[in-house]
Amino acid sequence: MGFFLKTELINDAFDFGRKAHKDQVRKYTSEPYFTHCVRVAEAVADHVDDEAAIVAALLHDTVEDTETTLDDIHANFGSDVAEYVWYLTKPPAFVGNRAKRKLHDRNRLKEAPEIVRFIKVMDVWDNYQGIREHDPKFYETFREEVRDLLYVMDSLMVVKKFAGDEFAYNKFLPWFGDL
């Protein structure tokens, strides 16, 4: 977890995210929710040395799951991070049913910068483990949604670009094939 000490901004994002998610726990494991955000940021930092991407990975769920606004993200972490978090934030429930929200999500992420799509792949990868293990019924829905999302995001190309061919072919594709 030493990645967050790389820069002051990453350390600030770690503290911000930890505080924002302080009373939240993961649905299936009851571990502190922010551990998911840290795992996603670690996965991103394993492959890229991009401060804004690591910060966005740490904060990717703050707007949809806490009282934090995009304006808060922008004021504290700048426009690049705010833009990345915007792409990574799912549409609110008032937009429509789950299928309609997922369609909006796919359309937005299809147009997202490649680094944002890479963060999303790492986010989905982390979420996949708990859902598959603890909620087999929902996993069937999640699996279908993830396949569609990874396809429109051109995820293999994105993973190859940021994580390299070895990771893409030896880890990502077997995982994708298992979906």
Protein backbone atom coordinates (compact mmCIF):
# COMPACT_ATOMS: atom_id res chain seq x y z
CA MET A 1 0.00 0.00 0.00
CA GLY A 2 3.05 2.25 -0.24
CA PHE A 3 1.85 3.81 -3.51
CA PHE A 4 -0.03 6.59 -1.71
CA LEU A 5 3.19 8.07 -0.42
CA LYS A 6 4.43 8.76 -3.95
CA THR A 7 3.12 12.33 -3.97
CA GLU A 8 1.38 14.73 -1.64
CA LEU A 9 -1.72 14.74 -3.86
CA ILE A 10 -2.00 10.93 -3.73
CA ASN A 11 -1.58 11.01 0.04
CA ASP A 12 -4.25 13.74 0.28
CA ALA A 13 -6.61 11.66 -1.88
CA PHE A 14 -6.02 8.64 0.34
CA ASP A 15 -6.95 10.67 3.44
CA PHE A 16 -9.94 12.27 1.67
CA GLY A 17 -11.30 8.95 0.43
CA ARG A 18 -10.76 7.20 3.75
CA LYS A 19 -12.69 9.93 5.56
CA ALA A 20 -15.46 10.06 2.95
CA HIS A 21 -16.04 6.29 3.17
CA LYS A 22 -15.30 6.06 6.94
CA ASP A 23 -18.46 4.30 8.10
CA GLN A 24 -19.08 2.21 5.00
CA VAL A 25 -18.42 -1.52 4.67
CA ARG A 26 -18.29 -3.87 1.69
CA LYS A 27 -21.58 -5.67 1.09
CA TYR A 28 -20.22 -9.21 1.05
CA THR A 29 -17.19 -9.09 3.31
CA SER A 30 -17.99 -6.33 5.82
CA GLU A 31 -14.45 -5.01 5.38
CA PRO A 32 -14.07 -1.21 5.33
CA TYR A 33 -15.37 -0.01 1.96
CA PHE A 34 -12.30 2.08 1.24
CA THR A 35 -10.17 -1.09 0.99
CA HIS A 36 -11.80 -1.63 -2.42
CA CYS A 37 -10.72 1.85 -3.57
CA VAL A 38 -7.20 1.20 -2.32
CA ARG A 39 -7.00 -2.14 -4.19
CA VAL A 40 -8.15 -0.44 -7.40
CA ALA A 41 -5.56 2.33 -6.96
CA GLU A 42 -2.84 -0.25 -6.21
CA ALA A 43 -3.76 -2.18 -9.36
CA VAL A 44 -3.56 1.03 -11.41
CA ALA A 45 -0.28 2.09 -9.76
CA ASP A 46 1.22 -1.33 -10.50
CA HIS A 47 1.06 -0.43 -14.19
CA VAL A 48 1.10 3.35 -14.56
CA ASP A 49 2.92 6.22 -12.93
CA ASP A 50 0.14 8.74 -13.44
CA GLU A 51 -0.76 10.83 -10.41
CA ALA A 52 -4.21 11.86 -11.66
CA ALA A 53 -5.11 8.25 -12.51
CA ILE A 54 -4.05 6.95 -9.08
CA VAL A 55 -5.93 9.76 -7.33
CA ALA A 56 -9.05 9.09 -9.45
CA ALA A 57 -8.81 5.38 -8.64
CA LEU A 58 -8.74 6.19 -4.93
CA LEU A 59 -11.74 8.50 -5.29
CA HIS A 60 -13.71 6.66 -7.99
CA ASP A 61 -16.66 5.82 -5.70
CA THR A 62 -16.79 8.95 -3.56
CA VAL A 63 -19.37 10.85 -5.61
CA GLU A 64 -21.77 7.94 -6.04
CA ASP A 65 -21.41 6.51 -2.51
CA THR A 66 -20.81 9.48 -0.19
CA GLU A 67 -21.88 13.10 0.25
CA THR A 68 -18.89 14.20 -1.87
CA THR A 69 -19.69 16.17 -5.03
CA LEU A 70 -17.76 16.54 -8.25
CA ASP A 71 -17.23 20.17 -7.24
CA ASP A 72 -15.50 18.89 -4.07
CA ILE A 73 -13.27 16.64 -6.16
CA HIS A 74 -12.48 19.49 -8.54
CA ALA A 75 -11.69 21.96 -5.73
CA ASN A 76 -9.40 19.53 -3.93
CA PHE A 77 -7.80 17.56 -6.75
CA GLY A 78 -8.16 19.52 -9.99
CA SER A 79 -10.01 19.23 -13.27
CA ASP A 80 -8.31 16.07 -14.60
CA VAL A 81 -9.20 14.07 -11.49
CA ALA A 82 -12.73 15.50 -11.44
CA GLU A 83 -13.20 14.55 -15.09
CA TYR A 84 -11.93 11.01 -14.48
CA VAL A 85 -14.21 10.59 -11.45
CA TRP A 86 -17.16 11.90 -13.48
CA TYR A 87 -16.61 9.19 -16.09
CA LEU A 88 -16.32 6.58 -13.32
CA THR A 89 -19.48 7.65 -11.46
CA LYS A 90 -22.59 5.67 -12.28
CA PRO A 91 -25.78 7.52 -13.19
CA PRO A 92 -28.16 8.15 -10.27
CA ALA A 93 -31.29 6.04 -9.80
CA PHE A 94 -33.62 8.78 -11.08
CA VAL A 95 -32.14 8.32 -14.57
CA GLY A 96 -34.11 5.10 -14.99
CA ASN A 97 -34.06 1.40 -14.30
CA ARG A 98 -30.82 -0.58 -14.01
CA ALA A 99 -30.71 -1.48 -17.72
CA LYS A 100 -31.10 2.17 -18.76
CA ARG A 101 -28.44 3.33 -16.25
CA LYS A 102 -26.02 0.64 -17.48
CA LEU A 103 -26.59 1.76 -21.07
CA HIS A 104 -25.74 5.34 -20.09
CA ASP A 105 -22.70 4.04 -18.21
CA ARG A 106 -21.46 2.09 -21.26
CA ASN A 107 -21.98 5.07 -23.57
CA ARG A 108 -20.09 7.40 -21.25
CA LEU A 109 -17.20 4.99 -20.61
CA LYS A 110 -16.91 4.18 -24.32
CA GLU A 111 -15.96 7.83 -24.84
CA ALA A 112 -13.74 8.10 -21.75
CA PRO A 113 -9.99 8.67 -21.99
CA GLU A 114 -8.07 5.39 -22.18
CA ILE A 115 -6.61 5.79 -18.69
CA VAL A 116 -10.14 6.08 -17.26
CA ARG A 117 -11.14 2.90 -19.07
CA PHE A 118 -8.10 1.19 -17.54
CA ILE A 119 -9.17 2.33 -14.05
CA LYS A 120 -12.66 0.96 -14.75
CA VAL A 121 -11.23 -2.42 -15.78
CA MET A 122 -9.32 -2.60 -12.49
CA ASP A 123 -12.48 -1.55 -10.59
CA VAL A 124 -14.61 -4.22 -12.24
CA TRP A 125 -11.89 -6.82 -11.70
CA ASP A 126 -11.85 -6.10 -7.98
CA ASN A 127 -15.67 -6.10 -7.69
CA TYR A 128 -15.93 -9.34 -9.65
CA GLN A 129 -14.26 -11.43 -6.95
CA GLY A 130 -16.73 -10.67 -4.18
CA ILE A 131 -19.82 -10.81 -6.35
CA ARG A 132 -18.91 -14.15 -7.92
CA GLU A 133 -18.10 -15.72 -4.57
CA HIS A 134 -20.90 -14.29 -2.43
CA ASP A 135 -23.86 -13.64 -4.74
CA PRO A 136 -24.07 -16.24 -7.55
CA LYS A 137 -27.59 -15.14 -8.55
CA PHE A 138 -26.62 -11.48 -9.05
CA TYR A 139 -23.32 -12.59 -10.60
CA GLU A 140 -25.21 -13.72 -13.71
CA THR A 141 -26.56 -10.19 -14.25
CA PHE A 142 -23.23 -8.58 -13.32
CA ARG A 143 -21.33 -10.88 -15.68
CA GLU A 144 -23.50 -9.92 -18.65
CA GLU A 145 -23.21 -6.21 -17.84
CA VAL A 146 -19.44 -6.47 -17.44
CA ARG A 147 -18.96 -8.30 -20.73
CA ASP A 148 -20.91 -5.58 -22.54
CA LEU A 149 -18.98 -2.83 -20.77
CA LEU A 150 -15.54 -4.35 -21.39
CA TYR A 151 -16.40 -4.84 -25.04
CA VAL A 152 -17.47 -1.23 -25.70
CA MET A 153 -14.45 0.10 -23.77
CA ASP A 154 -12.07 -1.83 -26.07
CA SER A 155 -10.63 -3.17 -22.85
CA LEU A 156 -8.04 -5.56 -24.29
CA MET A 157 -6.38 -2.71 -26.19
CA VAL A 158 -6.51 -0.50 -23.09
CA VAL A 159 -5.06 -3.20 -20.83
CA LYS A 160 -2.28 -3.93 -23.35
CA LYS A 161 -1.43 -0.23 -23.55
CA PHE A 162 -1.13 0.31 -19.78
CA ALA A 163 -0.28 -3.13 -18.39
CA GLY A 164 1.55 -4.69 -21.33
CA ASP A 165 1.04 -7.79 -23.46
CA GLU A 166 2.06 -10.29 -20.79
CA PHE A 167 -0.54 -9.05 -18.31
CA ALA A 168 -3.16 -8.64 -21.05
CA TYR A 169 -2.78 -12.15 -22.44
CA ASN A 170 -1.86 -14.10 -19.29
CA LYS A 171 -4.14 -12.46 -16.72
CA PHE A 172 -6.76 -10.24 -18.33
CA LEU A 173 -7.89 -12.51 -21.18
CA PRO A 174 -8.26 -15.63 -19.01
CA TRP A 175 -10.30 -13.58 -16.54
CA PHE A 176 -12.40 -12.10 -19.36
CA GLY A 177 -12.91 -15.58 -20.79
CA ASP A 178 -14.15 -16.73 -17.38
CA LEU A 179 -16.88 -14.08 -17.37
